[in-house]
């Protein structure tokens, strides 16, 4: 195994959906020396604060799960915030991880880094081969910069950094905001509210024709630990050729579904029998995003949770969160 259970592991973004899933999974596997400073204790947007924190804590492993994220509406409206804040977070954490000799570094990107009209399924080598989807271009450019910084530090200085590109994520701790959430939690919220309030019509964004792949966040967490434990930066799957370190691995399930069929699945799980209509004036985004996951499968990792099972689990957690809020009120 490439890492030790005694290593100090810094989870940047431990309170978010991805970071909290990674934290749960690490604890479950016996990793207890976790460094999880609060936002008050560490502002990732401040280089000086990040530098001083690394100097005082000396983590052995860093997992960068912190990011400013959102759905199509948020990405389109707050373009400057998405690129500026993500670049600051990434640069501060990556540079200081390298500067303070972190043993292993894991950067979490997104499938939106790939060109809008790239051939499907999306292979790691398709990066920078075409234009991006304009509704999330700022976020994608920031993530691409992070990937390239990691690979450049590996090439020039031997920095042990790997970048994982997860597909669309969902699960415990997701954002269910009416306008700033991603598609799956947004649909769960809409259909659950319609069911509980007796609303006989649900309006969904776009045409419903785009196809997306969805990965339960707990499966991503398992993939992160698998990579840290088993995949060396010398592994050939991380290279485009023997002289060109790519450092990217796609993480997904290898199957996609249309948004229209996803809406029908969620409605069925919730037992909602009302009408579903589609607002085609709203953007669809990229027509299709299906990841080629053959590299990670080749080394022995595969997602465990089916979409239907994952949605049922997520719905249960969502309902529990709502009930807990009502009790607190």
Protein backbone atom coordinates (compact mmCIF):
# COMPACT_ATOMS: atom_id res chain seq x y z
CA UNK A 1 0.00 0.00 0.00
CA UNK A 2 1.35 3.43 -0.98
CA UNK A 3 0.13 5.27 2.13
CA UNK A 4 0.04 4.57 5.86
CA UNK A 5 -2.91 4.64 8.25
CA UNK A 6 -0.80 6.89 10.48
CA UNK A 7 -0.28 9.61 7.86
CA UNK A 8 -1.70 13.07 8.53
CA UNK A 9 -4.37 13.63 5.88
CA UNK A 10 -5.62 17.14 5.13
CA UNK A 11 -9.09 17.17 3.54
CA UNK A 12 -9.54 20.62 2.02
CA UNK A 13 -13.29 21.12 1.82
CA UNK A 14 -14.16 18.47 4.41
CA UNK A 15 -17.57 20.01 5.16
CA UNK A 16 -18.79 19.87 1.55
CA UNK A 17 -20.59 16.97 -0.10
CA UNK A 18 -17.42 15.43 -1.56
CA UNK A 19 -15.09 16.23 1.33
CA UNK A 20 -17.48 14.89 3.97
CA UNK A 21 -17.94 11.66 1.99
CA UNK A 22 -14.15 11.24 1.79
CA UNK A 23 -13.87 11.90 5.51
CA UNK A 24 -16.52 9.26 6.31
CA UNK A 25 -14.82 6.73 4.07
CA UNK A 26 -11.34 7.36 5.51
CA UNK A 27 -12.62 6.91 9.08
CA UNK A 28 -14.43 3.73 8.05
CA UNK A 29 -11.16 2.35 6.66
CA UNK A 30 -9.19 3.13 9.81
CA UNK A 31 -7.58 6.47 8.95
CA UNK A 32 -7.94 8.57 12.07
CA UNK A 33 -5.22 11.23 11.77
CA UNK A 34 -7.38 13.60 9.74
CA UNK A 35 -6.81 17.34 9.52
CA UNK A 36 -10.11 19.15 9.00
CA UNK A 37 -9.81 22.84 9.89
CA UNK A 38 -12.98 24.94 9.80
CA UNK A 39 -13.34 27.92 7.48
CA UNK A 40 -12.78 30.18 10.47
CA UNK A 41 -9.53 28.36 11.24
CA UNK A 42 -8.31 28.34 7.63
CA UNK A 43 -9.39 30.61 4.77
CA UNK A 44 -8.33 28.80 1.61
CA UNK A 45 -8.65 32.03 -0.38
CA UNK A 46 -5.74 33.56 1.58
CA UNK A 47 -2.27 32.42 0.50
CA UNK A 48 -0.68 33.60 3.76
CA UNK A 49 -3.17 31.70 5.90
CA UNK A 50 -2.72 28.53 3.85
CA UNK A 51 1.07 28.86 3.96
CA UNK A 52 1.11 29.33 7.73
CA UNK A 53 -1.28 26.41 8.22
CA UNK A 54 0.95 24.06 6.22
CA UNK A 55 4.00 25.28 8.12
CA UNK A 56 2.35 24.50 11.46
CA UNK A 57 0.63 21.20 10.54
CA UNK A 58 2.85 19.46 7.94
CA UNK A 59 0.27 17.12 6.35
CA UNK A 60 1.52 13.95 4.65
CA UNK A 61 -1.40 13.71 2.23
CA UNK A 62 -3.65 16.44 0.82
CA UNK A 63 -7.02 15.86 -0.83
CA UNK A 64 -8.31 19.01 -2.52
CA UNK A 65 -12.10 18.70 -2.51
CA UNK A 66 -12.77 22.39 -1.81
CA UNK A 67 -14.32 24.40 -4.64
CA UNK A 68 -17.01 26.92 -5.48
CA UNK A 69 -19.66 24.83 -7.23
CA UNK A 70 -23.17 25.20 -8.61
CA UNK A 71 -25.55 24.29 -11.41
CA UNK A 72 -26.10 25.90 -14.82
CA UNK A 73 -27.84 28.99 -13.38
CA UNK A 74 -25.12 29.74 -10.83
CA UNK A 75 -22.29 29.06 -13.29
CA UNK A 76 -23.87 31.36 -15.88
CA UNK A 77 -24.61 34.21 -13.47
CA UNK A 78 -21.45 34.24 -11.33
CA UNK A 79 -18.79 33.64 -13.99
CA UNK A 80 -16.11 35.84 -12.40
CA UNK A 81 -16.64 34.34 -8.94
CA UNK A 82 -16.36 30.79 -10.26
CA UNK A 83 -13.05 31.29 -12.01
CA UNK A 84 -11.44 33.64 -9.49
CA UNK A 85 -12.33 31.80 -6.27
CA UNK A 86 -11.50 28.37 -7.66
CA UNK A 87 -8.15 29.54 -9.03
CA UNK A 88 -7.25 31.07 -5.66
CA UNK A 89 -8.20 27.96 -3.67
CA UNK A 90 -6.36 25.63 -6.05
CA UNK A 91 -3.19 27.68 -6.37
CA UNK A 92 -2.91 28.23 -2.63
CA UNK A 93 -3.38 24.57 -1.69
CA UNK A 94 -1.41 23.02 -4.57
CA UNK A 95 1.59 25.34 -4.30
CA UNK A 96 1.89 24.93 -0.53
CA UNK A 97 1.45 21.15 -0.77
CA UNK A 98 4.42 21.07 -3.14
CA UNK A 99 6.40 23.63 -1.13
CA UNK A 100 5.99 21.68 2.13
CA UNK A 101 6.80 18.27 0.59
CA UNK A 102 3.41 16.55 0.83
CA UNK A 103 3.89 12.85 0.07
CA UNK A 104 0.76 12.42 -2.07
CA UNK A 105 -1.67 14.98 -3.49
CA UNK A 106 -5.13 14.33 -4.91
CA UNK A 107 -6.88 17.00 -6.98
CA UNK A 108 -10.60 16.66 -7.71
CA UNK A 109 -11.75 18.15 -10.99
CA UNK A 110 -14.92 17.67 -13.01
CA UNK A 111 -16.13 16.10 -16.24
CA UNK A 112 -16.97 19.61 -17.49
CA UNK A 113 -13.26 20.06 -18.34
CA UNK A 114 -13.82 18.15 -21.58
CA UNK A 115 -14.90 19.80 -24.86
CA UNK A 116 -18.64 20.30 -25.34
CA UNK A 117 -18.83 18.27 -28.54
CA UNK A 118 -16.09 15.72 -27.89
CA UNK A 119 -16.53 12.12 -29.00
CA UNK A 120 -18.31 9.92 -26.43
CA UNK A 121 -17.38 8.37 -24.09
CA UNK A 122 -14.92 11.03 -22.94
CA UNK A 123 -11.33 9.86 -22.70
CA UNK A 124 -8.72 11.61 -20.57
CA UNK A 125 -6.73 12.47 -23.70
CA UNK A 126 -9.60 14.64 -25.04
CA UNK A 127 -8.66 17.47 -22.67
CA UNK A 128 -8.09 20.75 -24.57
CA UNK A 129 -9.09 19.29 -27.95
CA UNK A 130 -12.11 21.56 -28.45
CA UNK A 131 -14.33 24.35 -27.11
CA UNK A 132 -15.95 24.11 -23.69
CA UNK A 133 -19.65 24.34 -22.84
CA UNK A 134 -20.20 28.08 -22.26
CA UNK A 135 -22.61 27.67 -19.32
CA UNK A 136 -19.81 26.36 -17.07
CA UNK A 137 -16.71 27.62 -18.90
CA UNK A 138 -15.33 29.62 -15.95
CA UNK A 139 -15.47 26.64 -13.60
CA UNK A 140 -14.00 24.32 -16.23
CA UNK A 141 -11.10 26.67 -17.02
CA UNK A 142 -10.22 26.91 -13.34
CA UNK A 143 -10.25 23.11 -13.01
CA UNK A 144 -8.11 22.71 -16.13
CA UNK A 145 -5.59 25.15 -14.65
CA UNK A 146 -5.46 23.01 -11.50
CA UNK A 147 -4.89 19.83 -13.51
CA UNK A 148 -2.12 21.44 -15.53
CA UNK A 149 -0.45 22.87 -12.43
CA UNK A 150 -0.39 19.42 -10.83
CA UNK A 151 1.04 17.77 -13.95
CA UNK A 152 3.62 20.55 -14.41
CA UNK A 153 4.83 20.19 -10.81
CA UNK A 154 5.09 16.42 -11.32
CA UNK A 155 7.03 16.84 -14.59
CA UNK A 156 9.41 19.52 -13.36
CA UNK A 157 9.83 18.60 -9.69
CA UNK A 158 8.54 15.04 -9.29
CA UNK A 159 5.56 16.18 -7.20
CA UNK A 160 3.30 13.21 -6.43
CA UNK A 161 -0.01 14.54 -7.74
CA UNK A 162 -2.95 12.78 -9.38
CA UNK A 163 -6.12 14.45 -10.69
CA UNK A 164 -9.47 12.64 -10.58
CA UNK A 165 -12.27 13.71 -12.91
CA UNK A 166 -15.60 12.62 -11.41
CA UNK A 167 -18.79 12.64 -13.42
CA UNK A 168 -21.96 14.32 -12.08
CA UNK A 169 -22.19 13.64 -8.35
CA UNK A 170 -25.12 13.32 -5.98
CA UNK A 171 -25.78 12.04 -2.48
CA UNK A 172 -25.55 12.94 1.19
CA UNK A 173 -24.82 16.60 1.81
CA UNK A 174 -25.93 17.78 -1.63
CA UNK A 175 -27.22 21.28 -2.34
CA UNK A 176 -30.99 21.50 -2.84
CA UNK A 177 -31.21 25.26 -3.44
CA UNK A 178 -34.13 26.16 -5.76
CA UNK A 179 -31.90 27.87 -8.37
CA UNK A 180 -28.25 27.07 -7.55
CA UNK A 181 -28.39 23.27 -7.32
CA UNK A 182 -27.38 20.62 -9.84
CA UNK A 183 -29.96 18.71 -11.84
CA UNK A 184 -30.47 15.56 -9.74
CA UNK A 185 -30.97 17.23 -6.32
CA UNK A 186 -33.08 19.89 -8.02
CA UNK A 187 -35.40 17.21 -9.39
CA UNK A 188 -35.58 15.42 -6.04
CA UNK A 189 -36.62 18.67 -4.37
CA UNK A 190 -39.21 19.54 -7.02
CA UNK A 191 -40.92 16.16 -7.09
CA UNK A 192 -40.82 15.68 -3.31
CA UNK A 193 -42.39 19.09 -2.72
CA UNK A 194 -45.01 18.45 -5.41
CA UNK A 195 -45.87 15.09 -3.86
CA UNK A 196 -46.13 16.37 -0.28
CA UNK A 197 -48.05 19.55 -1.23
CA UNK A 198 -50.41 17.89 -3.70
CA UNK A 199 -49.16 19.89 -6.70
CA UNK A 200 -50.30 18.25 -9.94
CA UNK A 201 -47.67 19.74 -12.28
CA UNK A 202 -43.86 19.96 -12.14
CA UNK A 203 -41.90 22.19 -14.52
CA UNK A 204 -38.33 21.14 -15.35
CA UNK A 205 -35.56 23.10 -17.07
CA UNK A 206 -34.59 22.55 -20.70
CA UNK A 207 -35.86 19.97 -23.15
CA UNK A 208 -34.92 16.89 -21.11
CA UNK A 209 -32.92 15.50 -24.04
CA UNK A 210 -29.32 15.86 -22.73
CA UNK A 211 -27.80 12.69 -21.34
CA UNK A 212 -25.82 12.60 -18.10
CA UNK A 213 -23.94 10.08 -16.01
CA UNK A 214 -24.41 10.11 -12.23
CA UNK A 215 -22.10 8.80 -9.50
CA UNK A 216 -22.99 8.49 -5.82
CA UNK A 217 -20.56 10.64 -3.86
CA UNK A 218 -19.72 7.76 -1.50
CA UNK A 219 -18.50 5.76 -4.50
CA UNK A 220 -16.25 8.68 -5.47
CA UNK A 221 -14.85 8.69 -1.92
CA UNK A 222 -14.01 5.00 -2.28
CA UNK A 223 -12.27 5.74 -5.58
CA UNK A 224 -10.17 8.50 -3.98
CA UNK A 225 -8.86 6.17 -1.28
CA UNK A 226 -8.28 3.37 -3.79
CA UNK A 227 -6.12 5.67 -5.92
CA UNK A 228 -4.11 6.93 -2.94
CA UNK A 229 -3.50 3.40 -1.71
CA UNK A 230 -2.80 1.68 -5.01
CA UNK A 231 -1.82 3.90 -7.94
CA UNK A 232 1.73 5.20 -8.16
CA UNK A 233 2.55 8.27 -10.27
CA UNK A 234 4.81 5.92 -12.25
CA UNK A 235 1.78 3.90 -13.39
CA UNK A 236 1.51 3.96 -17.19
CA UNK A 237 -2.22 4.77 -17.10
CA UNK A 238 -1.30 8.30 -15.94
CA UNK A 239 0.80 9.00 -19.05
CA UNK A 240 -0.27 9.98 -22.56
CA UNK A 241 3.07 8.55 -23.63
CA UNK A 242 6.24 7.68 -21.73
CA UNK A 243 7.45 11.29 -21.77
CA UNK A 244 4.15 13.10 -21.17
CA UNK A 245 2.60 12.90 -17.70
CA UNK A 246 -1.16 13.49 -17.90
CA UNK A 247 -2.05 12.56 -14.33
CA UNK A 248 -5.81 12.36 -15.01
CA UNK A 249 -8.20 9.52 -14.20
CA UNK A 250 -11.92 9.60 -14.97
CA UNK A 251 -14.28 8.38 -12.23
CA UNK A 252 -17.79 7.37 -13.21
CA UNK A 253 -20.16 4.46 -13.71
CA UNK A 254 -19.95 4.03 -17.48
CA UNK A 255 -23.70 4.51 -18.06
CA UNK A 256 -25.77 7.61 -18.75
CA UNK A 257 -29.44 8.56 -18.80
CA UNK A 258 -31.46 11.37 -20.41
CA UNK A 259 -32.64 14.11 -18.06
CA UNK A 260 -36.20 13.30 -19.12
CA UNK A 261 -35.79 9.65 -18.08
CA UNK A 262 -34.06 10.74 -14.88
CA UNK A 263 -37.07 12.92 -14.02
CA UNK A 264 -39.42 9.98 -14.66
CA UNK A 265 -37.26 7.71 -12.46
CA UNK A 266 -37.25 10.19 -9.57
CA UNK A 267 -41.00 10.80 -9.93
CA UNK A 268 -41.61 7.05 -9.83
CA UNK A 269 -39.41 6.55 -6.75
CA UNK A 270 -41.26 9.37 -4.96
CA UNK A 271 -44.59 8.01 -6.28
CA UNK A 272 -45.47 11.31 -7.93
CA UNK A 273 -48.19 10.87 -10.56
CA UNK A 274 -48.69 14.47 -11.72
CA UNK A 275 -47.78 16.02 -15.08
CA UNK A 276 -44.17 16.83 -16.02
CA UNK A 277 -43.57 19.73 -18.43
CA UNK A 278 -40.31 21.08 -19.87
CA UNK A 279 -39.29 24.74 -20.18
CA UNK A 280 -37.25 24.72 -23.40
CA UNK A 281 -36.37 28.41 -22.94
CA UNK A 282 -33.91 27.28 -20.22
CA UNK A 283 -30.46 26.02 -21.31
CA UNK A 284 -29.74 22.33 -21.77
CA UNK A 285 -25.97 22.53 -21.40
CA UNK A 286 -23.72 19.95 -23.04
CA UNK A 287 -25.73 17.43 -25.13
CA UNK A 288 -24.00 14.43 -23.57
CA UNK A 289 -21.31 13.73 -20.97
CA UNK A 290 -20.32 10.10 -20.55
CA UNK A 291 -16.88 9.29 -19.19
CA UNK A 292 -14.59 6.56 -20.45
CA UNK A 293 -13.72 4.80 -17.18
CA UNK A 294 -11.61 2.02 -18.69
CA UNK A 295 -8.33 3.16 -17.09
CA UNK A 296 -9.60 3.01 -13.52
CA UNK A 297 -11.43 -0.26 -14.23
CA UNK A 298 -8.17 -1.67 -15.63
CA UNK A 299 -6.48 -1.23 -12.25
CA UNK A 300 -9.36 -2.77 -10.32
CA UNK A 301 -11.86 -0.09 -9.26
CA UNK A 302 -15.53 0.12 -10.21
CA UNK A 303 -18.54 1.96 -8.74
CA UNK A 304 -20.82 -0.20 -6.57
CA UNK A 305 -24.10 1.71 -6.43
CA UNK A 306 -26.78 1.66 -9.14
CA UNK A 307 -28.54 4.93 -9.96
CA UNK A 308 -31.93 3.78 -8.67
CA UNK A 309 -30.46 2.53 -5.40
CA UNK A 310 -28.44 5.72 -5.00
CA UNK A 311 -31.48 7.95 -5.59
CA UNK A 312 -33.53 6.00 -3.03
CA UNK A 313 -30.73 6.41 -0.47
CA UNK A 314 -30.34 10.11 -1.27
CA UNK A 315 -34.10 10.72 -1.05
CA UNK A 316 -34.18 9.06 2.37
CA UNK A 317 -31.35 11.32 3.57
CA UNK A 318 -33.08 14.39 2.09
CA UNK A 319 -36.33 13.60 3.91
CA UNK A 320 -34.43 13.05 7.17
CA UNK A 321 -32.74 16.45 6.76
CA UNK A 322 -36.13 18.16 6.24
CA UNK A 323 -37.62 16.46 9.31
CA UNK A 324 -34.60 17.40 11.41
CA UNK A 325 -35.01 21.07 10.36
CA UNK A 326 -38.69 21.00 11.32
CA UNK A 327 -37.86 19.56 14.75
CA UNK A 328 -35.21 22.27 15.33
CA UNK A 329 -37.73 24.98 14.44
